[in-house]
N, C-alpha and C. Protein backbone atom coordinates (compact mmCIF):
# COMPACT_ATOMS: atom_id res chain seq x y z
N MET A 1 8.26 15.33 8.45
CA MET A 1 6.86 15.60 8.58
C MET A 1 6.21 14.39 9.23
N ASN A 2 5.52 14.59 10.32
CA ASN A 2 4.93 13.51 11.08
C ASN A 2 3.41 13.60 10.96
N THR A 3 2.87 13.09 9.84
CA THR A 3 1.42 13.13 9.63
C THR A 3 0.89 11.72 9.53
N ALA A 4 -0.39 11.57 9.83
CA ALA A 4 -1.02 10.25 9.75
C ALA A 4 -1.15 9.85 8.29
N GLY A 5 -1.29 8.55 8.05
CA GLY A 5 -1.41 8.05 6.70
C GLY A 5 -2.74 8.42 6.07
N THR A 6 -2.80 8.28 4.76
CA THR A 6 -4.04 8.54 4.03
C THR A 6 -4.62 7.22 3.55
N ILE A 7 -5.75 7.28 2.89
CA ILE A 7 -6.35 6.06 2.36
C ILE A 7 -5.44 5.47 1.29
N ASP A 8 -4.88 6.33 0.45
CA ASP A 8 -4.00 5.86 -0.62
C ASP A 8 -2.67 5.34 -0.08
N ARG A 9 -2.16 6.00 0.94
CA ARG A 9 -0.87 5.61 1.54
C ARG A 9 -1.05 5.43 3.04
N PRO A 10 -1.50 4.26 3.48
CA PRO A 10 -1.73 4.08 4.91
C PRO A 10 -0.42 4.13 5.69
N LEU A 11 -0.54 4.53 6.94
CA LEU A 11 0.63 4.63 7.79
C LEU A 11 1.27 3.26 7.95
N THR A 12 0.44 2.23 8.06
CA THR A 12 0.93 0.87 8.17
C THR A 12 0.00 -0.07 7.42
N HIS A 13 0.52 -1.17 6.95
CA HIS A 13 -0.30 -2.16 6.26
C HIS A 13 -0.70 -3.29 7.22
N ASP A 14 -0.20 -3.26 8.44
CA ASP A 14 -0.53 -4.28 9.43
C ASP A 14 -1.90 -3.98 10.02
N PRO A 15 -2.91 -4.86 9.84
CA PRO A 15 -4.25 -4.56 10.35
C PRO A 15 -4.30 -4.42 11.87
N LYS A 16 -3.40 -5.09 12.58
CA LYS A 16 -3.41 -5.00 14.04
C LYS A 16 -2.98 -3.62 14.53
N LYS A 17 -2.19 -2.92 13.75
CA LYS A 17 -1.68 -1.61 14.15
C LYS A 17 -2.55 -0.46 13.65
N GLN A 18 -3.56 -0.77 12.82
CA GLN A 18 -4.43 0.28 12.29
C GLN A 18 -5.49 0.65 13.32
N ALA A 19 -6.11 1.80 13.11
CA ALA A 19 -7.14 2.27 14.03
C ALA A 19 -8.34 1.32 13.97
N PRO A 20 -9.00 1.13 15.11
CA PRO A 20 -10.15 0.21 15.12
C PRO A 20 -11.31 0.78 14.31
N MET A 21 -12.08 -0.11 13.70
CA MET A 21 -13.21 0.30 12.88
C MET A 21 -14.43 0.44 13.80
N LYS A 22 -15.23 1.47 13.56
CA LYS A 22 -16.43 1.69 14.35
C LYS A 22 -17.62 1.80 13.41
N PRO A 23 -18.79 1.35 13.82
CA PRO A 23 -19.97 1.49 12.96
C PRO A 23 -20.35 2.96 12.83
N SER A 24 -20.91 3.30 11.69
CA SER A 24 -21.30 4.68 11.42
C SER A 24 -22.53 5.06 12.22
N THR A 25 -22.64 6.33 12.60
CA THR A 25 -23.82 6.83 13.29
C THR A 25 -24.86 7.33 12.31
N TYR A 26 -24.50 7.43 11.02
CA TYR A 26 -25.42 7.95 10.00
C TYR A 26 -26.41 6.89 9.54
N GLU A 27 -26.03 5.64 9.54
CA GLU A 27 -26.88 4.57 9.03
C GLU A 27 -27.50 3.83 10.21
N PRO A 28 -28.73 3.41 10.09
CA PRO A 28 -29.33 2.61 11.17
C PRO A 28 -28.67 1.24 11.25
N ALA A 29 -28.71 0.67 12.44
CA ALA A 29 -28.09 -0.64 12.65
C ALA A 29 -28.81 -1.67 11.79
N GLY A 30 -28.06 -2.53 11.15
CA GLY A 30 -28.63 -3.58 10.33
C GLY A 30 -29.00 -3.14 8.94
N SER A 31 -28.51 -1.99 8.47
CA SER A 31 -28.83 -1.55 7.12
C SER A 31 -28.05 -2.39 6.12
N ALA A 32 -28.46 -2.32 4.86
CA ALA A 32 -27.85 -3.16 3.83
C ALA A 32 -26.38 -2.81 3.64
N THR A 33 -26.03 -1.51 3.59
CA THR A 33 -24.63 -1.10 3.43
C THR A 33 -24.17 -0.52 4.74
N GLN A 34 -23.30 -1.24 5.39
CA GLN A 34 -22.81 -0.76 6.67
C GLN A 34 -21.59 0.11 6.43
N ASP A 35 -21.66 1.37 6.86
CA ASP A 35 -20.58 2.34 6.67
C ASP A 35 -19.71 2.33 7.91
N VAL A 36 -18.42 2.17 7.73
CA VAL A 36 -17.50 2.17 8.87
C VAL A 36 -16.48 3.27 8.68
N THR A 37 -16.08 3.87 9.77
CA THR A 37 -15.07 4.93 9.73
C THR A 37 -13.96 4.59 10.71
N THR A 38 -12.81 5.22 10.54
CA THR A 38 -11.70 5.04 11.46
C THR A 38 -11.53 6.30 12.26
N SER A 39 -10.85 6.20 13.37
CA SER A 39 -10.63 7.39 14.19
C SER A 39 -9.68 8.37 13.50
N GLY A 40 -8.88 7.89 12.55
CA GLY A 40 -7.95 8.77 11.85
C GLY A 40 -8.51 9.36 10.57
N ALA A 41 -9.83 9.26 10.38
CA ALA A 41 -10.44 9.74 9.14
C ALA A 41 -10.29 11.24 8.99
N THR A 42 -10.42 11.99 10.09
CA THR A 42 -10.29 13.45 9.99
C THR A 42 -8.87 13.82 9.61
N ASP A 43 -7.89 13.10 10.18
CA ASP A 43 -6.49 13.36 9.80
C ASP A 43 -6.29 13.07 8.32
N SER A 44 -6.93 11.97 7.85
CA SER A 44 -6.82 11.62 6.44
C SER A 44 -7.41 12.71 5.56
N ARG A 45 -8.60 13.22 5.97
CA ARG A 45 -9.23 14.30 5.18
C ARG A 45 -8.36 15.55 5.18
N GLN A 46 -7.78 15.88 6.33
CA GLN A 46 -6.92 17.06 6.40
C GLN A 46 -5.68 16.88 5.53
N ASN A 47 -5.15 15.66 5.54
CA ASN A 47 -3.98 15.38 4.72
C ASN A 47 -4.33 15.51 3.24
N ARG A 48 -5.49 15.00 2.85
CA ARG A 48 -5.91 15.11 1.46
C ARG A 48 -6.16 16.57 1.10
N THR A 49 -6.73 17.34 2.01
CA THR A 49 -6.97 18.75 1.75
C THR A 49 -5.64 19.46 1.54
N ARG A 50 -4.65 19.15 2.36
CA ARG A 50 -3.32 19.76 2.20
C ARG A 50 -2.73 19.41 0.84
N GLU A 51 -2.89 18.13 0.45
CA GLU A 51 -2.39 17.71 -0.86
C GLU A 51 -3.13 18.43 -1.98
N MET A 52 -4.45 18.59 -1.82
CA MET A 52 -5.24 19.29 -2.84
C MET A 52 -4.80 20.74 -2.97
N GLN A 53 -4.47 21.37 -1.84
CA GLN A 53 -4.03 22.76 -1.89
C GLN A 53 -2.67 22.89 -2.56
N LEU A 54 -1.87 21.83 -2.50
CA LEU A 54 -0.53 21.88 -3.08
C LEU A 54 -0.51 21.49 -4.56
N ILE A 55 -1.64 21.01 -5.09
CA ILE A 55 -1.69 20.59 -6.49
C ILE A 55 -1.34 21.73 -7.45
N PRO A 56 -1.92 22.95 -7.31
CA PRO A 56 -1.55 24.02 -8.25
C PRO A 56 -0.06 24.35 -8.20
N GLU A 57 0.51 24.31 -7.01
CA GLU A 57 1.95 24.58 -6.88
C GLU A 57 2.76 23.50 -7.60
N ALA A 58 2.36 22.25 -7.44
CA ALA A 58 3.07 21.16 -8.12
C ALA A 58 2.91 21.27 -9.63
N MET A 59 1.71 21.65 -10.07
CA MET A 59 1.50 21.82 -11.51
C MET A 59 2.34 22.96 -12.06
N ALA A 60 2.41 24.07 -11.32
CA ALA A 60 3.23 25.21 -11.75
C ALA A 60 4.70 24.81 -11.80
N ARG A 61 5.14 24.03 -10.81
CA ARG A 61 6.54 23.58 -10.80
C ARG A 61 6.83 22.70 -12.00
N ALA A 62 5.92 21.79 -12.32
CA ALA A 62 6.10 20.90 -13.48
C ALA A 62 6.09 21.71 -14.77
N HIS A 63 5.20 22.71 -14.84
CA HIS A 63 5.13 23.56 -16.04
C HIS A 63 6.44 24.33 -16.23
N MET A 64 6.96 24.90 -15.15
CA MET A 64 8.22 25.65 -15.24
C MET A 64 9.37 24.71 -15.62
N HIS A 65 9.36 23.49 -15.08
CA HIS A 65 10.40 22.52 -15.41
C HIS A 65 10.37 22.22 -16.91
N GLU A 66 9.17 22.02 -17.45
CA GLU A 66 9.02 21.74 -18.88
C GLU A 66 9.46 22.94 -19.72
N ARG A 67 9.10 24.15 -19.28
CA ARG A 67 9.50 25.36 -20.02
C ARG A 67 11.02 25.52 -20.02
N LEU A 68 11.69 25.22 -18.90
CA LEU A 68 13.15 25.31 -18.84
C LEU A 68 13.79 24.31 -19.80
N HIS A 69 13.25 23.09 -19.85
CA HIS A 69 13.78 22.10 -20.79
C HIS A 69 13.57 22.55 -22.24
N GLU A 70 12.41 23.12 -22.50
CA GLU A 70 12.11 23.61 -23.85
C GLU A 70 13.07 24.72 -24.24
N ALA A 71 13.34 25.65 -23.31
CA ALA A 71 14.27 26.74 -23.59
C ALA A 71 15.68 26.20 -23.83
N GLU A 72 16.07 25.19 -23.06
CA GLU A 72 17.41 24.60 -23.25
C GLU A 72 17.51 23.93 -24.61
N ARG A 73 16.45 23.23 -25.03
CA ARG A 73 16.46 22.60 -26.36
C ARG A 73 16.56 23.66 -27.46
N GLU A 74 15.84 24.78 -27.30
CA GLU A 74 15.92 25.85 -28.29
C GLU A 74 17.32 26.45 -28.35
N ARG A 75 17.95 26.62 -27.18
CA ARG A 75 19.32 27.15 -27.16
C ARG A 75 20.28 26.19 -27.86
N GLN A 76 20.12 24.88 -27.62
CA GLN A 76 20.99 23.90 -28.29
C GLN A 76 20.78 23.94 -29.80
N ALA A 77 19.53 24.06 -30.23
CA ALA A 77 19.25 24.13 -31.67
C ALA A 77 19.87 25.38 -32.28
N LEU A 78 19.79 26.50 -31.56
CA LEU A 78 20.38 27.74 -32.06
C LEU A 78 21.89 27.63 -32.15
N ARG A 79 22.50 27.00 -31.14
CA ARG A 79 23.97 26.80 -31.18
C ARG A 79 24.35 25.92 -32.36
N LEU A 80 23.57 24.87 -32.63
CA LEU A 80 23.86 23.98 -33.75
C LEU A 80 23.75 24.73 -35.08
N VAL A 81 22.71 25.55 -35.24
CA VAL A 81 22.54 26.32 -36.47
C VAL A 81 23.71 27.28 -36.65
N THR A 82 24.11 27.95 -35.57
CA THR A 82 25.24 28.89 -35.64
C THR A 82 26.53 28.16 -35.99
N ALA A 83 26.75 27.00 -35.40
CA ALA A 83 27.97 26.24 -35.68
C ALA A 83 28.01 25.80 -37.15
N ARG A 84 26.88 25.36 -37.68
CA ARG A 84 26.85 24.94 -39.09
C ARG A 84 27.09 26.14 -40.02
N ARG A 85 26.51 27.28 -39.68
CA ARG A 85 26.73 28.48 -40.49
C ARG A 85 28.21 28.87 -40.49
N MET A 86 28.84 28.82 -39.32
CA MET A 86 30.27 29.16 -39.24
C MET A 86 31.12 28.14 -39.99
N GLN A 87 30.71 26.86 -39.96
CA GLN A 87 31.45 25.83 -40.69
C GLN A 87 31.38 26.09 -42.20
N ARG A 88 30.18 26.43 -42.70
CA ARG A 88 30.05 26.74 -44.14
C ARG A 88 30.89 27.95 -44.51
N ARG A 89 30.89 28.98 -43.65
CA ARG A 89 31.69 30.17 -43.91
C ARG A 89 33.17 29.82 -43.97
N ALA A 90 33.63 28.97 -43.04
CA ALA A 90 35.04 28.56 -43.02
C ALA A 90 35.39 27.74 -44.27
N GLU A 91 34.46 26.88 -44.70
CA GLU A 91 34.72 26.10 -45.91
C GLU A 91 34.80 27.00 -47.13
N ARG A 92 33.94 28.01 -47.22
CA ARG A 92 34.01 28.95 -48.35
C ARG A 92 35.33 29.71 -48.33
N ALA A 93 35.76 30.14 -47.14
CA ALA A 93 37.04 30.86 -47.03
C ALA A 93 38.19 29.95 -47.43
N SER A 94 38.12 28.67 -47.07
CA SER A 94 39.16 27.72 -47.43
C SER A 94 39.21 27.53 -48.95
N ARG A 95 38.04 27.41 -49.59
CA ARG A 95 38.02 27.27 -51.05
C ARG A 95 38.58 28.51 -51.73
N ARG A 96 38.23 29.70 -51.22
CA ARG A 96 38.78 30.94 -51.80
C ARG A 96 40.30 30.99 -51.66
N ALA A 97 40.78 30.56 -50.52
CA ALA A 97 42.23 30.58 -50.30
C ALA A 97 42.94 29.60 -51.24
N ARG A 98 42.37 28.40 -51.40
CA ARG A 98 42.97 27.43 -52.32
C ARG A 98 42.96 27.94 -53.76
N ARG A 99 41.84 28.56 -54.13
CA ARG A 99 41.74 29.12 -55.48
C ARG A 99 42.78 30.22 -55.68
N ALA A 100 42.90 31.09 -54.68
CA ALA A 100 43.88 32.18 -54.78
C ALA A 100 45.30 31.62 -54.86
N LEU A 101 45.59 30.58 -54.08
CA LEU A 101 46.91 29.96 -54.11
C LEU A 101 47.17 29.32 -55.47
N ALA A 102 46.14 28.64 -56.00
CA ALA A 102 46.30 28.00 -57.31
C ALA A 102 46.54 29.06 -58.39
N MET A 103 45.83 30.19 -58.31
CA MET A 103 46.02 31.25 -59.30
C MET A 103 47.43 31.84 -59.18
N ALA A 104 47.92 31.97 -57.94
CA ALA A 104 49.26 32.54 -57.76
C ALA A 104 50.32 31.60 -58.30
N VAL A 105 50.15 30.30 -58.14
CA VAL A 105 51.13 29.33 -58.62
C VAL A 105 51.08 29.25 -60.13
N MET A 106 49.95 29.39 -60.75
CA MET A 106 49.80 29.30 -62.21
C MET A 106 50.51 30.45 -62.91
N GLN A 107 50.62 31.60 -62.29
CA GLN A 107 51.20 32.77 -62.99
C GLN A 107 52.66 32.73 -62.88
């Protein structure tokens, strides 16, 4: 993707390679707050608009990612519960078998 930099992420940090600053046409010359714009400001605004339009998609992607992790954790918990239940069942069967063997040897 070959897009111009934004205010948050400038294309370059070298001041000599950045677009020249021009005085604003909105403020009269010599005003207390001099507003300056760059020639790449429209590209920056378009880039920010594109990012703003992609925010809901990014949020939906993050939400789905979290839901998938949550479902995986629930599956792991269910497998653990099932494994413990089967272990208790096997231990009960083992005790019954030992008891039956002991009864058979006693007679």
